[in-house]
């Protein structure tokens, strides 16, 4: 695999992790009532961020692992 593609996948993995962590922090701030109640309707946004982060992480991980296996199969031939 090319180094540029490897860096791209790692950046996407980090971005997905950051999305999940930020959504967790925002949800935690809602639970301990630092964020006031009128903004609780934004919780759907935090759920969307969390699910998008999880989807992005799984997609990138699958692509990264699949690309590694494909490269190793080509090297064996």
Protein backbone atom coordinates (compact mmCIF):
# COMPACT_ATOMS: atom_id res chain seq x y z
CA UNK A 1 0.00 0.00 0.00
CA UNK A 2 1.23 3.46 -0.77
CA UNK A 3 2.28 5.68 2.11
CA UNK A 4 -0.19 8.41 1.06
CA UNK A 5 -3.12 6.00 1.22
CA UNK A 6 -1.92 4.71 4.60
CA UNK A 7 -1.77 8.27 5.99
CA UNK A 8 -5.21 9.03 4.57
CA UNK A 9 -6.77 6.05 6.34
CA UNK A 10 -5.10 6.90 9.64
CA UNK A 11 -6.32 10.50 9.42
CA UNK A 12 -9.87 9.29 8.78
CA UNK A 13 -9.63 6.89 11.73
CA UNK A 14 -8.46 9.70 14.00
CA UNK A 15 -11.24 11.97 12.74
CA UNK A 16 -13.85 9.29 13.44
CA UNK A 17 -12.46 8.79 16.94
CA UNK A 18 -12.55 12.52 17.60
CA UNK A 19 -16.18 12.65 16.45
CA UNK A 20 -17.15 9.87 18.86
CA UNK A 21 -15.26 11.44 21.77
CA UNK A 22 -16.79 14.88 21.18
CA UNK A 23 -20.29 13.44 20.99
CA UNK A 24 -19.67 11.53 24.24
CA UNK A 25 -18.45 14.69 25.98
CA UNK A 26 -21.46 16.70 24.81
CA UNK A 27 -23.83 13.95 25.95
CA UNK A 28 -22.07 13.78 29.32
CA UNK A 29 -22.40 17.56 29.72
CA UNK A 30 -26.13 17.18 29.08
CA UNK A 31 -26.41 14.41 31.66
CA UNK A 32 -24.70 16.44 34.40
CA UNK A 33 -26.83 19.44 33.38
CA UNK A 34 -24.07 21.85 32.39
CA UNK A 35 -25.80 22.30 29.03
CA UNK A 36 -29.24 23.85 29.76
CA UNK A 37 -32.49 22.04 28.93
CA UNK A 38 -33.50 24.19 25.94
CA UNK A 39 -30.52 22.71 24.08
CA UNK A 40 -31.43 19.07 24.77
CA UNK A 41 -33.05 18.89 21.34
CA UNK A 42 -29.50 18.95 19.97
CA UNK A 43 -28.97 15.49 21.44
CA UNK A 44 -30.04 14.06 18.09
CA UNK A 45 -27.03 15.85 16.62
CA UNK A 46 -24.75 14.14 19.12
CA UNK A 47 -26.29 10.76 18.25
CA UNK A 48 -25.75 11.49 14.57
CA UNK A 49 -22.13 12.47 15.24
CA UNK A 50 -21.57 9.30 17.22
CA UNK A 51 -23.10 7.00 14.62
CA UNK A 52 -21.28 8.78 11.78
CA UNK A 53 -18.01 8.44 13.69
CA UNK A 54 -18.65 4.74 14.26
CA UNK A 55 -19.61 4.19 10.63
CA UNK A 56 -16.54 6.08 9.42
CA UNK A 57 -14.28 4.11 11.76
CA UNK A 58 -15.66 0.75 10.64
CA UNK A 59 -15.55 1.72 6.97
CA UNK A 60 -11.96 2.92 7.15
CA UNK A 61 -10.87 -0.08 9.19
CA UNK A 62 -12.46 -2.44 6.69
CA UNK A 63 -10.84 -0.64 3.76
CA UNK A 64 -7.46 -0.59 5.50
CA UNK A 65 -7.54 -4.28 6.43
CA UNK A 66 -8.94 -5.31 3.04
CA UNK A 67 -6.23 -3.32 1.25
CA UNK A 68 -3.52 -4.91 3.41
CA UNK A 69 -4.82 -8.42 2.70
CA UNK A 70 -5.09 -7.68 -1.01
CA UNK A 71 -1.49 -6.46 -1.08
CA UNK A 72 -0.29 -9.56 0.75
CA UNK A 73 -2.16 -11.83 -1.68
CA UNK A 74 -0.60 -10.05 -4.65
CA UNK A 75 2.86 -10.43 -3.08
CA UNK A 76 2.32 -14.19 -2.68
CA UNK A 77 1.56 -14.64 -6.38
